[in-house]
Amino acid sequence: MFNKFLRENKIAAAILTVIRLYLGYAWFTAGFHKITGGFDASGYLGNAIANPVKGPDGNMVYSWYVNFLESFALPNIDLFNFIVPWGETLIGLGLLLGCLTTAAMFFGLVMNFSFFLAGTVSHNPTDIFLGFIILTAGFNAGKYGLDRWVVPFIRKTFNKKAADKAKAAA
């Protein structure tokens, strides 16, 4: 019942727009400040590796993630120095404009969980909670945004291509 409300109700669409704008502003400003202020993730990654998340027994909880940071992220720091600020900015832009909202929110959640796994709590739990509401709502979260026109255009374009392929195969 709640899922149907989130996905179909006009009042829910308005509430989702407020949540979407809040998250979009947070993502956009975080990314924009990194782009304009210079950003280097090596210190953050080094700290996440040196001080991993530990359980009550003192053992590392996400050793696989620390291994990923140590063996892939840190050696490819230039890639991450590009992906993080531009990813945050584009996620924010997508949410602010309501354009490809579910895709933007999916990638926002991936980044939130990445920060969380690295040991940064900050506002990530709240962002993850609100992000799942946006993701669950699907199209309705971007109804009062560019998704109102973009999503039908994409569906029409891909349905036409699929129909053309089916005709060609027959």
N, C-alpha and C. Protein backbone atom coordinates (compact mmCIF):
# COMPACT_ATOMS: atom_id res chain seq x y z
N MET A 1 0.81 -1.18 0.00
CA MET A 1 0.00 0.00 0.00
C MET A 1 0.87 1.26 0.00
N PHE A 2 1.89 1.29 0.88
CA PHE A 2 2.78 2.45 0.93
C PHE A 2 3.57 2.58 -0.37
N ASN A 3 3.96 1.44 -0.92
CA ASN A 3 4.70 1.43 -2.19
C ASN A 3 3.85 2.03 -3.30
N LYS A 4 2.57 1.66 -3.34
CA LYS A 4 1.66 2.21 -4.35
C LYS A 4 1.52 3.72 -4.18
N PHE A 5 1.41 4.17 -2.93
CA PHE A 5 1.33 5.60 -2.64
C PHE A 5 2.56 6.32 -3.17
N LEU A 6 3.75 5.78 -2.87
CA LEU A 6 5.00 6.41 -3.34
C LEU A 6 5.09 6.46 -4.86
N ARG A 7 4.64 5.42 -5.51
CA ARG A 7 4.84 5.29 -6.95
C ARG A 7 3.76 5.96 -7.81
N GLU A 8 2.58 6.26 -7.22
CA GLU A 8 1.47 6.72 -8.06
C GLU A 8 0.78 7.99 -7.58
N ASN A 9 0.92 8.37 -6.35
CA ASN A 9 0.15 9.47 -5.78
C ASN A 9 0.77 10.83 -6.10
N LYS A 10 -0.09 11.80 -6.44
CA LYS A 10 0.39 13.17 -6.76
C LYS A 10 0.94 13.88 -5.53
N ILE A 11 0.33 13.66 -4.38
CA ILE A 11 0.84 14.27 -3.14
C ILE A 11 2.21 13.69 -2.82
N ALA A 12 2.35 12.39 -3.01
CA ALA A 12 3.66 11.76 -2.81
C ALA A 12 4.69 12.35 -3.77
N ALA A 13 4.28 12.60 -5.00
CA ALA A 13 5.20 13.19 -5.99
C ALA A 13 5.70 14.55 -5.52
N ALA A 14 4.82 15.33 -4.90
CA ALA A 14 5.22 16.65 -4.38
C ALA A 14 6.19 16.50 -3.21
N ILE A 15 5.90 15.57 -2.30
CA ILE A 15 6.79 15.32 -1.16
C ILE A 15 8.14 14.80 -1.66
N LEU A 16 8.09 13.89 -2.62
CA LEU A 16 9.32 13.35 -3.20
C LEU A 16 10.15 14.42 -3.88
N THR A 17 9.47 15.41 -4.47
CA THR A 17 10.19 16.51 -5.11
C THR A 17 10.99 17.29 -4.08
N VAL A 18 10.42 17.52 -2.92
CA VAL A 18 11.12 18.24 -1.85
C VAL A 18 12.34 17.43 -1.40
N ILE A 19 12.16 16.13 -1.19
CA ILE A 19 13.27 15.26 -0.77
C ILE A 19 14.33 15.23 -1.86
N ARG A 20 13.90 15.11 -3.11
CA ARG A 20 14.82 15.07 -4.25
C ARG A 20 15.64 16.35 -4.35
N LEU A 21 14.98 17.49 -4.16
CA LEU A 21 15.68 18.78 -4.22
C LEU A 21 16.68 18.92 -3.07
N TYR A 22 16.30 18.46 -1.89
CA TYR A 22 17.20 18.50 -0.74
C TYR A 22 18.46 17.67 -1.02
N LEU A 23 18.26 16.43 -1.45
CA LEU A 23 19.40 15.56 -1.74
C LEU A 23 20.21 16.10 -2.92
N GLY A 24 19.52 16.58 -3.94
CA GLY A 24 20.19 17.12 -5.12
C GLY A 24 21.09 18.29 -4.77
N TYR A 25 20.60 19.18 -3.92
CA TYR A 25 21.39 20.34 -3.50
C TYR A 25 22.64 19.88 -2.73
N ALA A 26 22.45 18.91 -1.84
CA ALA A 26 23.58 18.40 -1.05
C ALA A 26 24.63 17.77 -1.96
N TRP A 27 24.21 16.93 -2.90
CA TRP A 27 25.15 16.28 -3.82
C TRP A 27 25.83 17.31 -4.72
N PHE A 28 25.04 18.21 -5.28
CA PHE A 28 25.59 19.19 -6.21
C PHE A 28 26.62 20.09 -5.54
N THR A 29 26.29 20.61 -4.38
CA THR A 29 27.23 21.52 -3.72
C THR A 29 28.50 20.79 -3.27
N ALA A 30 28.36 19.55 -2.80
CA ALA A 30 29.54 18.78 -2.39
C ALA A 30 30.47 18.57 -3.59
N GLY A 31 29.90 18.17 -4.71
CA GLY A 31 30.71 17.94 -5.91
C GLY A 31 31.29 19.23 -6.48
N PHE A 32 30.48 20.27 -6.53
CA PHE A 32 30.92 21.54 -7.10
C PHE A 32 32.08 22.12 -6.29
N HIS A 33 32.00 22.03 -4.97
CA HIS A 33 33.09 22.52 -4.12
C HIS A 33 34.38 21.73 -4.36
N LYS A 34 34.23 20.44 -4.61
CA LYS A 34 35.41 19.62 -4.89
C LYS A 34 36.02 19.99 -6.25
N ILE A 35 35.18 20.26 -7.23
CA ILE A 35 35.68 20.62 -8.56
C ILE A 35 36.38 21.97 -8.52
N THR A 36 35.75 22.94 -7.88
CA THR A 36 36.30 24.31 -7.90
C THR A 36 37.39 24.52 -6.85
N GLY A 37 37.40 23.71 -5.80
CA GLY A 37 38.37 23.92 -4.73
C GLY A 37 39.57 23.01 -4.77
N GLY A 38 39.66 22.20 -5.80
CA GLY A 38 40.75 21.23 -5.84
C GLY A 38 40.41 20.07 -4.92
N PHE A 39 40.61 18.89 -5.40
CA PHE A 39 40.21 17.70 -4.64
C PHE A 39 41.26 16.64 -4.82
N ASP A 40 41.64 16.03 -3.73
CA ASP A 40 42.57 14.91 -3.76
C ASP A 40 42.09 13.88 -2.75
N ALA A 41 41.67 12.74 -3.23
CA ALA A 41 41.11 11.69 -2.39
C ALA A 41 42.17 10.83 -1.72
N SER A 42 43.44 11.04 -2.03
CA SER A 42 44.48 10.14 -1.51
C SER A 42 44.55 10.17 0.02
N GLY A 43 44.38 11.35 0.64
CA GLY A 43 44.39 11.42 2.10
C GLY A 43 43.22 10.66 2.71
N TYR A 44 42.04 10.84 2.13
CA TYR A 44 40.84 10.15 2.60
C TYR A 44 41.00 8.64 2.48
N LEU A 45 41.48 8.20 1.31
CA LEU A 45 41.65 6.76 1.09
C LEU A 45 42.72 6.18 2.00
N GLY A 46 43.82 6.93 2.17
CA GLY A 46 44.88 6.48 3.07
C GLY A 46 44.37 6.33 4.49
N ASN A 47 43.54 7.27 4.94
CA ASN A 47 42.96 7.19 6.28
C ASN A 47 41.99 6.01 6.39
N ALA A 48 41.20 5.78 5.35
CA ALA A 48 40.25 4.66 5.37
C ALA A 48 40.99 3.32 5.43
N ILE A 49 42.16 3.26 4.79
CA ILE A 49 42.96 2.03 4.82
C ILE A 49 43.64 1.87 6.18
N ALA A 50 44.19 2.97 6.71
CA ALA A 50 44.90 2.92 7.99
C ALA A 50 43.96 2.73 9.19
N ASN A 51 42.73 3.21 9.06
CA ASN A 51 41.75 3.13 10.15
C ASN A 51 40.46 2.50 9.66
N PRO A 52 40.50 1.20 9.35
CA PRO A 52 39.29 0.56 8.80
C PRO A 52 38.19 0.43 9.86
N VAL A 53 36.98 0.20 9.37
CA VAL A 53 35.85 -0.03 10.26
C VAL A 53 36.11 -1.35 11.00
N LYS A 54 35.98 -1.28 12.32
CA LYS A 54 36.22 -2.47 13.15
C LYS A 54 34.97 -2.82 13.93
N GLY A 55 34.79 -4.11 14.14
CA GLY A 55 33.65 -4.60 14.91
C GLY A 55 33.94 -4.54 16.39
N PRO A 56 32.99 -5.00 17.21
CA PRO A 56 33.16 -4.97 18.67
C PRO A 56 34.34 -5.81 19.15
N ASP A 57 34.72 -6.81 18.35
CA ASP A 57 35.85 -7.66 18.72
C ASP A 57 37.20 -7.07 18.30
N GLY A 58 37.16 -5.90 17.64
CA GLY A 58 38.41 -5.25 17.22
C GLY A 58 38.90 -5.66 15.85
N ASN A 59 38.23 -6.62 15.24
CA ASN A 59 38.64 -7.08 13.91
C ASN A 59 38.01 -6.22 12.82
N MET A 60 38.72 -6.14 11.69
CA MET A 60 38.24 -5.38 10.54
C MET A 60 36.94 -6.00 10.02
N VAL A 61 35.94 -5.17 9.77
CA VAL A 61 34.63 -5.66 9.34
C VAL A 61 34.59 -5.82 7.82
N TYR A 62 35.11 -4.83 7.09
CA TYR A 62 35.02 -4.85 5.64
C TYR A 62 36.41 -4.99 5.02
N SER A 63 37.06 -6.08 5.31
CA SER A 63 38.43 -6.28 4.82
C SER A 63 38.47 -6.29 3.29
N TRP A 64 37.42 -6.80 2.67
CA TRP A 64 37.37 -6.84 1.21
C TRP A 64 37.35 -5.42 0.63
N TYR A 65 36.69 -4.49 1.33
CA TYR A 65 36.62 -3.11 0.84
C TYR A 65 37.95 -2.40 1.05
N VAL A 66 38.57 -2.63 2.18
CA VAL A 66 39.90 -2.05 2.44
C VAL A 66 40.88 -2.57 1.40
N ASN A 67 40.78 -3.84 1.06
CA ASN A 67 41.63 -4.43 0.02
C ASN A 67 41.39 -3.74 -1.33
N PHE A 68 40.12 -3.47 -1.64
CA PHE A 68 39.78 -2.75 -2.88
C PHE A 68 40.41 -1.36 -2.88
N LEU A 69 40.28 -0.65 -1.76
CA LEU A 69 40.86 0.70 -1.67
C LEU A 69 42.37 0.66 -1.84
N GLU A 70 43.00 -0.31 -1.19
CA GLU A 70 44.46 -0.41 -1.21
C GLU A 70 45.01 -0.87 -2.55
N SER A 71 44.33 -1.84 -3.16
CA SER A 71 44.89 -2.43 -4.39
C SER A 71 44.35 -1.80 -5.68
N PHE A 72 43.21 -1.11 -5.63
CA PHE A 72 42.66 -0.53 -6.85
C PHE A 72 42.48 0.99 -6.77
N ALA A 73 41.80 1.45 -5.74
CA ALA A 73 41.47 2.88 -5.68
C ALA A 73 42.71 3.75 -5.51
N LEU A 74 43.56 3.43 -4.54
CA LEU A 74 44.74 4.26 -4.30
C LEU A 74 45.71 4.26 -5.48
N PRO A 75 45.98 3.09 -6.11
CA PRO A 75 46.87 3.14 -7.29
C PRO A 75 46.26 3.91 -8.48
N ASN A 76 44.96 4.03 -8.51
CA ASN A 76 44.26 4.75 -9.58
C ASN A 76 43.65 6.05 -9.06
N ILE A 77 44.39 6.74 -8.22
CA ILE A 77 43.87 7.91 -7.54
C ILE A 77 43.43 9.01 -8.52
N ASP A 78 44.10 9.14 -9.64
CA ASP A 78 43.71 10.16 -10.61
C ASP A 78 42.29 9.91 -11.13
N LEU A 79 41.97 8.65 -11.35
CA LEU A 79 40.62 8.29 -11.79
C LEU A 79 39.59 8.67 -10.72
N PHE A 80 39.88 8.35 -9.47
CA PHE A 80 38.96 8.64 -8.38
C PHE A 80 38.86 10.14 -8.11
N ASN A 81 39.96 10.86 -8.33
CA ASN A 81 39.93 12.32 -8.17
C ASN A 81 39.06 12.98 -9.23
N PHE A 82 38.81 12.29 -10.32
CA PHE A 82 37.91 12.77 -11.37
C PHE A 82 36.48 12.28 -11.11
N ILE A 83 36.34 11.00 -10.85
CA ILE A 83 35.01 10.38 -10.70
C ILE A 83 34.23 10.93 -9.52
N VAL A 84 34.86 11.10 -8.37
CA VAL A 84 34.13 11.51 -7.16
C VAL A 84 33.51 12.90 -7.31
N PRO A 85 34.29 13.95 -7.63
CA PRO A 85 33.64 15.27 -7.71
C PRO A 85 32.65 15.39 -8.86
N TRP A 86 33.00 14.82 -10.02
CA TRP A 86 32.07 14.92 -11.15
C TRP A 86 30.85 14.03 -10.93
N GLY A 87 31.04 12.87 -10.31
CA GLY A 87 29.91 12.00 -9.98
C GLY A 87 28.95 12.68 -9.03
N GLU A 88 29.50 13.28 -7.97
CA GLU A 88 28.64 13.99 -7.01
C GLU A 88 27.88 15.14 -7.69
N THR A 89 28.58 15.89 -8.53
CA THR A 89 27.96 17.03 -9.21
C THR A 89 26.85 16.56 -10.15
N LEU A 90 27.11 15.52 -10.93
CA LEU A 90 26.10 15.02 -11.87
C LEU A 90 24.92 14.37 -11.16
N ILE A 91 25.18 13.68 -10.07
CA ILE A 91 24.09 13.12 -9.27
C ILE A 91 23.21 14.26 -8.77
N GLY A 92 23.84 15.29 -8.24
CA GLY A 92 23.09 16.45 -7.75
C GLY A 92 22.29 17.12 -8.84
N LEU A 93 22.90 17.29 -10.00
CA LEU A 93 22.21 17.91 -11.13
C LEU A 93 21.00 17.09 -11.57
N GLY A 94 21.19 15.77 -11.66
CA GLY A 94 20.08 14.89 -12.03
C GLY A 94 18.93 14.98 -11.05
N LEU A 95 19.26 15.03 -9.76
CA LEU A 95 18.21 15.13 -8.74
C LEU A 95 17.55 16.51 -8.73
N LEU A 96 18.35 17.56 -8.86
CA LEU A 96 17.78 18.91 -8.88
C LEU A 96 16.84 19.12 -10.06
N LEU A 97 17.24 18.61 -11.22
CA LEU A 97 16.43 18.79 -12.43
C LEU A 97 15.35 17.72 -12.57
N GLY A 98 15.42 16.68 -11.78
CA GLY A 98 14.48 15.58 -11.92
C GLY A 98 14.68 14.88 -13.25
N CYS A 99 15.92 14.74 -13.66
CA CYS A 99 16.26 14.12 -14.95
C CYS A 99 17.04 12.83 -14.71
N LEU A 100 16.47 11.72 -15.18
CA LEU A 100 17.04 10.40 -14.91
C LEU A 100 17.20 10.21 -13.41
N THR A 101 16.15 10.54 -12.71
CA THR A 101 16.16 10.57 -11.25
C THR A 101 16.55 9.24 -10.63
N THR A 102 15.96 8.15 -11.09
CA THR A 102 16.28 6.86 -10.46
C THR A 102 17.72 6.46 -10.73
N ALA A 103 18.24 6.75 -11.90
CA ALA A 103 19.65 6.45 -12.19
C ALA A 103 20.56 7.30 -11.31
N ALA A 104 20.25 8.59 -11.20
CA ALA A 104 21.05 9.48 -10.35
C ALA A 104 21.02 8.99 -8.91
N MET A 105 19.86 8.61 -8.43
CA MET A 105 19.75 8.17 -7.04
C MET A 105 20.46 6.85 -6.82
N PHE A 106 20.39 5.95 -7.80
CA PHE A 106 21.11 4.68 -7.68
C PHE A 106 22.61 4.94 -7.50
N PHE A 107 23.17 5.78 -8.35
CA PHE A 107 24.60 6.07 -8.25
C PHE A 107 24.92 6.87 -6.98
N GLY A 108 23.99 7.69 -6.52
CA GLY A 108 24.16 8.37 -5.25
C GLY A 108 24.23 7.38 -4.10
N LEU A 109 23.38 6.37 -4.13
CA LEU A 109 23.40 5.34 -3.10
C LEU A 109 24.69 4.53 -3.15
N VAL A 110 25.18 4.24 -4.35
CA VAL A 110 26.47 3.53 -4.48
C VAL A 110 27.57 4.35 -3.80
N MET A 111 27.58 5.66 -4.05
CA MET A 111 28.60 6.51 -3.43
C MET A 111 28.39 6.60 -1.92
N ASN A 112 27.14 6.72 -1.46
CA ASN A 112 26.88 6.76 -0.02
C ASN A 112 27.40 5.50 0.67
N PHE A 113 27.11 4.34 0.08
CA PHE A 113 27.58 3.09 0.67
C PHE A 113 29.10 2.99 0.61
N SER A 114 29.72 3.52 -0.44
CA SER A 114 31.18 3.52 -0.52
C SER A 114 31.79 4.34 0.61
N PHE A 115 31.22 5.51 0.85
CA PHE A 115 31.71 6.35 1.96
C PHE A 115 31.49 5.65 3.29
N PHE A 116 30.34 5.02 3.43
CA PHE A 116 29.99 4.32 4.66
C PHE A 116 30.96 3.16 4.92
N LEU A 117 31.24 2.38 3.88
CA LEU A 117 32.16 1.24 4.02
C LEU A 117 33.58 1.70 4.35
N ALA A 118 33.91 2.92 3.95
CA ALA A 118 35.23 3.48 4.26
C ALA A 118 35.28 4.05 5.68
N GLY A 119 34.15 4.07 6.38
CA GLY A 119 34.13 4.50 7.76
C GLY A 119 33.58 5.89 8.00
N THR A 120 33.07 6.54 6.97
CA THR A 120 32.49 7.87 7.14
C THR A 120 31.00 7.74 7.41
N VAL A 121 30.59 8.12 8.62
CA VAL A 121 29.18 8.05 8.95
C VAL A 121 28.50 9.34 8.50
N SER A 122 28.88 10.47 9.08
CA SER A 122 28.39 11.79 8.70
C SER A 122 26.88 11.75 8.48
N HIS A 123 26.41 12.26 7.34
CA HIS A 123 24.97 12.27 7.03
C HIS A 123 24.59 11.11 6.12
N ASN A 124 25.49 10.15 5.91
CA ASN A 124 25.21 9.04 5.02
C ASN A 124 23.98 8.21 5.40
N PRO A 125 23.75 7.88 6.69
CA PRO A 125 22.53 7.11 7.00
C PRO A 125 21.24 7.83 6.58
N THR A 126 21.17 9.13 6.82
CA THR A 126 19.99 9.90 6.41
C THR A 126 19.87 9.91 4.89
N ASP A 127 20.98 10.16 4.21
CA ASP A 127 20.96 10.18 2.74
C ASP A 127 20.57 8.83 2.16
N ILE A 128 21.04 7.76 2.77
CA ILE A 128 20.69 6.42 2.30
C ILE A 128 19.20 6.16 2.50
N PHE A 129 18.68 6.52 3.67
CA PHE A 129 17.25 6.34 3.94
C PHE A 129 16.39 7.12 2.93
N LEU A 130 16.70 8.40 2.77
CA LEU A 130 15.94 9.22 1.81
C LEU A 130 16.15 8.75 0.38
N GLY A 131 17.36 8.31 0.08
CA GLY A 131 17.66 7.81 -1.27
C GLY A 131 16.86 6.58 -1.62
N PHE A 132 16.68 5.68 -0.65
CA PHE A 132 15.87 4.49 -0.92
C PHE A 132 14.40 4.84 -1.14
N ILE A 133 13.93 5.87 -0.47
CA ILE A 133 12.55 6.32 -0.71
C ILE A 133 12.42 6.82 -2.15
N ILE A 134 13.39 7.64 -2.59
CA ILE A 134 13.39 8.15 -3.97
C ILE A 134 13.48 6.99 -4.97
N LEU A 135 14.39 6.07 -4.71
CA LEU A 135 14.58 4.93 -5.62
C LEU A 135 13.33 4.06 -5.68
N THR A 136 12.70 3.83 -4.55
CA THR A 136 11.47 3.02 -4.50
C THR A 136 10.34 3.69 -5.27
N ALA A 137 10.27 5.02 -5.18
CA ALA A 137 9.20 5.75 -5.85
C ALA A 137 9.33 5.71 -7.36
N GLY A 138 10.54 5.51 -7.86
CA GLY A 138 10.75 5.42 -9.30
C GLY A 138 10.37 6.69 -10.03
N PHE A 139 9.61 6.54 -11.10
CA PHE A 139 9.23 7.65 -11.98
C PHE A 139 8.54 8.78 -11.22
N ASN A 140 7.75 8.44 -10.21
CA ASN A 140 6.99 9.45 -9.48
C ASN A 140 7.91 10.47 -8.79
N ALA A 141 9.14 10.08 -8.47
CA ALA A 141 10.08 10.99 -7.82
C ALA A 141 10.53 12.10 -8.78
N GLY A 142 10.50 11.83 -10.07
CA GLY A 142 10.90 12.83 -11.06
C GLY A 142 9.74 13.38 -11.85
N LYS A 143 8.52 13.07 -11.40
CA LYS A 143 7.31 13.49 -12.13
C LYS A 143 7.25 15.01 -12.28
N TYR A 144 7.64 15.74 -11.22
CA TYR A 144 7.69 17.19 -11.30
C TYR A 144 9.12 17.62 -11.59
N GLY A 145 9.57 17.19 -12.75
CA GLY A 145 10.92 17.49 -13.21
C GLY A 145 11.03 17.08 -14.67
N LEU A 146 12.24 17.03 -15.18
CA LEU A 146 12.44 16.70 -16.59
C LEU A 146 12.07 15.26 -16.94
N ASP A 147 12.02 14.39 -15.94
CA ASP A 147 11.63 13.00 -16.21
C ASP A 147 10.24 12.90 -16.82
N ARG A 148 9.41 13.88 -16.59
CA ARG A 148 8.06 13.92 -17.16
C ARG A 148 8.12 13.79 -18.68
N TRP A 149 9.20 14.32 -19.30
CA TRP A 149 9.36 14.26 -20.75
C TRP A 149 10.47 13.29 -21.17
N VAL A 150 11.52 13.21 -20.37
CA VAL A 150 12.69 12.39 -20.74
C VAL A 150 12.36 10.89 -20.70
N VAL A 151 11.72 10.44 -19.64
CA VAL A 151 11.43 9.00 -19.50
C VAL A 151 10.51 8.50 -20.61
N PRO A 152 9.39 9.17 -20.94
CA PRO A 152 8.57 8.70 -22.06
C PRO A 152 9.34 8.69 -23.39
N PHE A 153 10.20 9.67 -23.61
CA PHE A 153 11.02 9.71 -24.82
C PHE A 153 11.94 8.50 -24.89
N ILE A 154 12.58 8.18 -23.78
CA ILE A 154 13.50 7.02 -23.75
C ILE A 154 12.72 5.73 -23.97
N ARG A 155 11.58 5.60 -23.29
CA ARG A 155 10.76 4.38 -23.45
C ARG A 155 10.31 4.22 -24.90
N LYS A 156 9.86 5.31 -25.50
CA LYS A 156 9.39 5.27 -26.89
C LYS A 156 10.55 4.88 -27.82
N THR A 157 11.70 5.48 -27.61
CA THR A 157 12.87 5.21 -28.46
C THR A 157 13.30 3.76 -28.36
N PHE A 158 13.42 3.24 -27.13
CA PHE A 158 13.87 1.86 -26.96
C PHE A 158 12.82 0.85 -27.36
N ASN A 159 11.55 1.14 -27.14
CA ASN A 159 10.48 0.24 -27.58
C ASN A 159 10.46 0.15 -29.10
N LYS A 160 10.68 1.26 -29.79
CA LYS A 160 10.71 1.26 -31.25
C LYS A 160 11.89 0.43 -31.76
N LYS A 161 13.05 0.60 -31.13
CA LYS A 161 14.23 -0.18 -31.54
C LYS A 161 14.03 -1.66 -31.30
N ALA A 162 13.40 -2.01 -30.17
CA ALA A 162 13.14 -3.41 -29.86
C ALA A 162 12.16 -4.00 -30.86
N ALA A 163 11.14 -3.22 -31.23
CA ALA A 163 10.15 -3.70 -32.21
C ALA A 163 10.81 -3.87 -33.58
N ASP A 164 11.70 -2.95 -33.96
CA ASP A 164 12.41 -3.06 -35.24
C ASP A 164 13.30 -4.29 -35.26
N LYS A 165 13.96 -4.59 -34.15
CA LYS A 165 14.82 -5.79 -34.08
C LYS A 165 13.98 -7.06 -34.17
N ALA A 166 12.82 -7.05 -33.50
CA ALA A 166 11.94 -8.23 -33.54
C ALA A 166 11.43 -8.46 -34.95
N LYS A 167 11.10 -7.37 -35.67
CA LYS A 167 10.64 -7.50 -37.06
C LYS A 167 11.74 -8.06 -37.93
N ALA A 168 12.95 -7.55 -37.74
CA ALA A 168 14.09 -7.99 -38.54
C ALA A 168 14.42 -9.45 -38.29
N ALA A 169 14.24 -9.91 -37.05
CA ALA A 169 14.55 -11.29 -36.71
C ALA A 169 13.49 -12.25 -37.24
N ALA A 170 12.26 -11.77 -37.46
CA ALA A 170 11.15 -12.63 -37.89
C ALA A 170 11.18 -12.95 -39.34
